[in-house]
Amino acid sequence: MTRIAVTVGKHQKLNLYPVAAAGRRWVALLTPGSARAMTFTAFSGKTELAHGSKLRRGSLTWLLPGQRGLVKEHRNLDRGSIPEGPGQHLSWSLGADAGPPGYCLDLNGDFGHDGFETIDCWSPDTVRSAGVKTIVHSAPARLARWLLGTAKPSVAYLKFNLAGGKTVHMAAVQIDSQKFFWLTLPHGQDVTSWAAFDKAGHKLYGGTGSPKIDPYVGPLSGKGWADNGPCALSTKACQRAHG
């Protein structure tokens, strides 16, 4: 890669030229909040290697020449209320967005005068590996936590066995070509085992304890995992990121 062409805001265009350091080649860009970088195109000489645009939380998905990425789509997935004390409750809602850069899950919570919002975004390459992608803790006092993850295409639903004998079934919802799932766990509830099933009720995979976060980053994801840096924009096999 010899150059990255960047569009800032609606009209301004810049060229970034990589600098070699610590065995890698780096570019950097600092912009005011009102004029953030929107699109990126990587070149080797005059040949385009890949192009991409930013996800809502700053990560970047690289698309090969000719690829357009996902069609824009928004889905309201779920909402609920968790009691906490006399006359108090935590209201929450979960939405999903798909678009050329990839997928984003947007979780909002409101508790009296306090609230929180977390937006997690992933490239299509990243979400193809099934598993929990993030665990979100609410505020204040961690009233609840959410497991947000992706499932294999053949999964119809997941079953979670909780401490105390309760069982929760959650459907795997398809957005574009990807299956997503989520689980709400009020404070004090823990998963003892879980499994994914197809439409016929056949177990596909699962495990004991709470599902662990799968930090895999695909070859065209520019999310920033250092362990996977060499595979970006190349045909080299990507490794699982650690930590």
Protein backbone atom coordinates (compact mmCIF):
# COMPACT_ATOMS: atom_id res chain seq x y z
CA MET A 1 0.00 0.00 0.00
CA THR A 2 1.45 3.35 -1.02
CA ARG A 3 -1.45 5.75 -0.35
CA ILE A 4 -4.86 6.04 1.31
CA ALA A 5 -7.29 8.57 -0.15
CA VAL A 6 -9.65 9.92 2.51
CA THR A 7 -12.87 11.91 2.22
CA VAL A 8 -13.43 14.21 5.21
CA GLY A 9 -16.91 15.55 5.82
CA LYS A 10 -18.85 15.91 2.57
CA HIS A 11 -16.31 17.37 0.18
CA GLN A 12 -12.72 17.61 1.42
CA LYS A 13 -10.29 14.99 0.10
CA LEU A 14 -6.90 14.12 1.57
CA ASN A 15 -4.11 11.68 0.77
CA LEU A 16 -2.32 9.77 3.55
CA TYR A 17 1.09 8.23 2.89
CA PRO A 18 2.27 5.40 5.16
CA VAL A 19 5.34 5.77 7.36
CA ALA A 20 7.40 2.71 8.35
CA ALA A 21 7.88 2.11 12.09
CA ALA A 22 8.32 -0.99 14.26
CA GLY A 23 8.08 -3.30 11.28
CA ARG A 24 4.76 -1.92 10.08
CA ARG A 25 3.49 0.94 7.94
CA TRP A 26 1.26 3.53 9.62
CA VAL A 27 -1.03 6.41 8.71
CA ALA A 28 -2.76 8.85 11.04
CA LEU A 29 -5.42 11.52 10.67
CA LEU A 30 -6.72 14.07 13.18
CA THR A 31 -9.90 15.95 12.28
CA PRO A 32 -12.30 18.23 14.18
CA GLY A 33 -15.47 16.56 15.41
CA SER A 34 -17.54 18.44 12.86
CA ALA A 35 -15.54 17.06 9.90
CA ARG A 36 -14.83 13.41 10.56
CA ALA A 37 -13.36 11.05 7.98
CA MET A 38 -16.08 9.24 6.02
CA THR A 39 -14.50 7.07 3.30
CA PHE A 40 -11.11 5.48 2.67
CA THR A 41 -9.54 4.00 -0.46
CA ALA A 42 -6.19 2.17 -0.33
CA PHE A 43 -3.90 2.16 -3.37
CA SER A 44 -0.71 0.49 -4.51
CA GLY A 45 0.53 3.01 -7.04
CA LYS A 46 -2.56 3.67 -9.17
CA THR A 47 -4.17 0.28 -8.42
CA GLU A 48 -7.01 0.21 -5.89
CA LEU A 49 -6.52 -2.43 -3.19
CA ALA A 50 -9.65 -1.85 -1.11
CA HIS A 51 -12.13 0.79 -0.04
CA GLY A 52 -14.27 1.30 3.02
CA SER A 53 -16.24 3.63 5.26
CA LYS A 54 -16.35 4.06 9.01
CA LEU A 55 -18.74 2.30 11.35
CA ARG A 56 -20.46 4.31 14.05
CA ARG A 57 -17.82 3.58 16.65
CA GLY A 58 -14.79 4.27 14.49
CA SER A 59 -13.89 0.80 13.24
CA LEU A 60 -13.44 0.25 9.53
CA THR A 61 -14.38 -2.53 7.12
CA TRP A 62 -12.32 -2.88 3.96
CA LEU A 63 -14.18 -3.92 0.80
CA LEU A 64 -12.40 -5.29 -2.23
CA PRO A 65 -12.73 -3.45 -5.58
CA GLY A 66 -16.25 -3.94 -6.91
CA GLN A 67 -17.73 -4.93 -3.55
CA ARG A 68 -20.57 -2.73 -2.28
CA GLY A 69 -21.07 -4.20 1.16
CA LEU A 70 -24.37 -4.68 2.98
CA VAL A 71 -27.62 -2.96 2.06
CA LYS A 72 -28.68 -0.33 4.62
CA GLU A 73 -31.23 -1.69 7.10
CA HIS A 74 -32.45 -0.80 10.60
CA ARG A 75 -34.29 -3.15 12.95
CA ASN A 76 -35.77 -2.56 16.40
CA LEU A 77 -34.94 -5.89 18.02
CA ASP A 78 -36.23 -5.86 21.59
CA ARG A 79 -37.10 -3.78 24.62
CA GLY A 80 -37.90 -4.47 28.24
CA SER A 81 -38.01 -3.30 31.85
CA ILE A 82 -36.11 -4.62 34.87
CA PRO A 83 -37.58 -3.86 38.36
CA GLU A 84 -35.18 -2.33 40.85
CA GLY A 85 -36.62 -1.18 44.15
CA PRO A 86 -40.09 0.23 44.96
CA GLY A 87 -41.44 2.09 41.96
CA GLN A 88 -38.12 2.01 40.12
CA HIS A 89 -37.10 0.12 37.00
CA LEU A 90 -34.49 0.01 34.27
CA SER A 91 -36.01 0.47 30.81
CA TRP A 92 -33.91 -0.73 27.89
CA SER A 93 -34.11 -1.11 24.11
CA LEU A 94 -31.94 -2.83 21.53
CA GLY A 95 -31.66 -1.95 17.83
CA ALA A 96 -29.52 -3.13 14.94
CA ASP A 97 -28.14 -1.44 11.84
CA ALA A 98 -26.63 -2.96 8.73
CA GLY A 99 -24.85 -1.06 5.99
CA PRO A 100 -21.80 -1.13 3.71
CA PRO A 101 -19.30 -1.05 6.63
CA GLY A 102 -20.97 -3.92 8.53
CA TYR A 103 -23.30 -4.34 11.51
CA CYS A 104 -23.95 -2.31 14.67
CA LEU A 105 -25.99 -3.17 17.77
CA ASP A 106 -27.25 -0.18 19.76
CA LEU A 107 -28.30 -0.79 23.38
CA ASN A 108 -29.96 2.01 25.37
CA GLY A 109 -30.96 2.04 29.02
CA ASP A 110 -32.78 4.53 31.24
CA PHE A 111 -32.96 4.46 35.03
CA GLY A 112 -34.53 7.58 36.49
CA HIS A 113 -32.08 10.41 35.88
CA ASP A 114 -29.34 8.01 34.82
CA GLY A 115 -28.94 6.27 31.50
CA PHE A 116 -26.47 4.61 29.22
CA GLU A 117 -25.92 3.83 25.57
CA THR A 118 -23.46 1.41 24.03
CA ILE A 119 -22.92 0.85 20.32
CA ASP A 120 -20.83 -2.10 19.18
CA CYS A 121 -19.95 -2.51 15.51
CA TRP A 122 -18.35 -5.34 13.57
CA SER A 123 -17.35 -6.08 10.01
CA PRO A 124 -19.15 -8.89 8.13
CA ASP A 125 -15.95 -10.96 8.35
CA THR A 126 -15.84 -10.63 12.12
CA VAL A 127 -19.44 -11.63 12.85
CA ARG A 128 -19.27 -14.81 10.76
CA SER A 129 -17.57 -16.51 13.72
CA ALA A 130 -20.35 -17.57 16.07
CA GLY A 131 -20.20 -16.46 19.70
CA VAL A 132 -20.70 -13.59 22.10
CA LYS A 133 -19.23 -10.40 20.66
CA THR A 134 -19.62 -8.20 23.69
CA ILE A 135 -20.98 -8.21 27.25
CA VAL A 136 -22.65 -4.97 28.25
CA HIS A 137 -23.11 -3.98 31.91
CA SER A 138 -25.75 -1.43 32.77
CA ALA A 139 -25.41 1.58 35.02
CA PRO A 140 -25.94 2.39 37.82
CA ALA A 141 -24.70 -0.41 40.08
CA ARG A 142 -24.73 -2.92 37.19
CA LEU A 143 -28.44 -3.65 37.41
CA ALA A 144 -28.15 -6.05 34.49
CA ARG A 145 -25.90 -7.29 31.75
CA TRP A 146 -26.53 -8.29 28.15
CA LEU A 147 -24.81 -10.92 26.07
CA LEU A 148 -24.81 -9.73 22.44
CA GLY A 149 -23.57 -12.18 19.84
CA THR A 150 -23.82 -13.89 16.48
CA ALA A 151 -24.90 -17.40 15.51
CA LYS A 152 -24.20 -19.72 12.60
CA PRO A 153 -26.65 -19.57 9.64
CA SER A 154 -28.34 -22.86 10.56
CA VAL A 155 -29.23 -21.72 14.11
CA ALA A 156 -32.93 -21.07 14.81
CA TYR A 157 -32.72 -20.42 18.56
CA LEU A 158 -30.46 -20.67 21.60
CA LYS A 159 -31.25 -22.12 25.01
CA PHE A 160 -29.64 -20.74 28.16
CA ASN A 161 -29.84 -22.62 31.47
CA LEU A 162 -29.58 -20.24 34.42
CA ALA A 163 -28.53 -20.85 38.01
CA GLY A 164 -31.59 -21.79 40.05
CA GLY A 165 -33.15 -23.93 37.33
CA LYS A 166 -34.61 -21.29 35.00
CA THR A 167 -34.30 -21.81 31.24
CA VAL A 168 -34.48 -19.03 28.64
CA HIS A 169 -35.00 -19.56 24.90
CA MET A 170 -33.88 -16.78 22.54
CA ALA A 171 -34.52 -16.73 18.80
CA ALA A 172 -31.64 -16.09 16.42
CA VAL A 173 -32.73 -13.07 14.35
CA GLN A 174 -31.44 -12.66 10.81
CA ILE A 175 -30.27 -9.23 9.65
CA ASP A 176 -29.12 -9.24 6.05
CA SER A 177 -27.24 -12.57 5.85
CA GLN A 178 -26.20 -12.78 9.51
CA LYS A 179 -27.89 -14.30 12.59
CA PHE A 180 -27.79 -12.36 15.88
CA PHE A 181 -28.89 -13.20 19.41
CA TRP A 182 -29.02 -11.42 22.75
CA LEU A 183 -29.70 -12.37 26.36
CA THR A 184 -30.71 -10.08 29.21
CA LEU A 185 -29.44 -11.10 32.64
CA PRO A 186 -30.70 -9.07 35.62
CA HIS A 187 -28.18 -8.64 38.43
CA GLY A 188 -27.49 -11.92 40.20
CA GLN A 189 -28.47 -14.20 37.31
CA ASP A 190 -25.78 -16.40 35.77
CA VAL A 191 -25.68 -18.84 32.88
CA THR A 192 -24.72 -22.41 33.81
CA SER A 193 -24.87 -23.89 30.29
CA TRP A 194 -26.09 -22.97 26.81
CA ALA A 195 -26.67 -24.49 23.38
CA ALA A 196 -27.70 -23.50 19.84
CA PHE A 197 -30.37 -25.48 17.95
CA ASP A 198 -31.69 -25.70 14.40
CA LYS A 199 -35.39 -25.52 13.38
CA ALA A 200 -35.84 -29.25 13.99
CA GLY A 201 -34.55 -28.92 17.55
CA HIS A 202 -31.19 -30.58 16.92
CA LYS A 203 -28.34 -29.28 19.04
CA LEU A 204 -25.61 -27.72 16.88
CA TYR A 205 -23.10 -26.50 19.47
CA GLY A 206 -22.93 -25.14 23.00
CA GLY A 207 -20.97 -25.18 26.24
CA THR A 208 -20.98 -25.03 30.02
CA GLY A 209 -20.90 -21.84 32.02
CA SER A 210 -21.53 -18.46 30.45
CA PRO A 211 -20.55 -18.06 26.76
CA LYS A 212 -17.18 -16.39 26.42
CA ILE A 213 -16.43 -13.44 24.16
CA ASP A 214 -15.14 -14.48 20.73
CA PRO A 215 -12.59 -11.80 19.73
CA TYR A 216 -12.02 -13.10 16.20
CA VAL A 217 -11.34 -10.39 13.62
CA GLY A 218 -11.75 -11.27 9.95
CA PRO A 219 -9.22 -10.54 7.20
CA LEU A 220 -11.01 -7.43 5.90
CA SER A 221 -11.74 -5.89 9.27
CA GLY A 222 -9.84 -2.76 10.19
CA LYS A 223 -10.99 -2.85 13.82
CA GLY A 224 -7.48 -2.42 15.15
CA TRP A 225 -6.47 -5.72 16.75
CA ALA A 226 -2.66 -5.65 16.63
CA ASP A 227 -2.41 -9.45 16.41
CA ASN A 228 -4.31 -9.40 13.13
CA GLY A 229 -2.63 -6.41 11.55
CA PRO A 230 -0.55 -8.42 9.04
CA CYS A 231 -3.63 -10.07 7.55
CA ALA A 232 -5.48 -6.86 6.66
CA LEU A 233 -5.54 -6.18 2.93
CA SER A 234 -3.74 -9.46 2.21
CA THR A 235 -4.46 -13.12 1.60
CA LYS A 236 -2.61 -14.26 4.72
CA ALA A 237 -4.58 -16.33 7.21
CA CYS A 238 -5.81 -14.34 10.19
CA GLN A 239 -5.26 -15.47 13.72
CA ARG A 240 -7.55 -15.14 16.70
CA ALA A 241 -6.82 -12.06 18.74
CA HIS A 242 -5.90 -12.58 22.39
CA GLY A 243 -6.86 -10.43 25.31
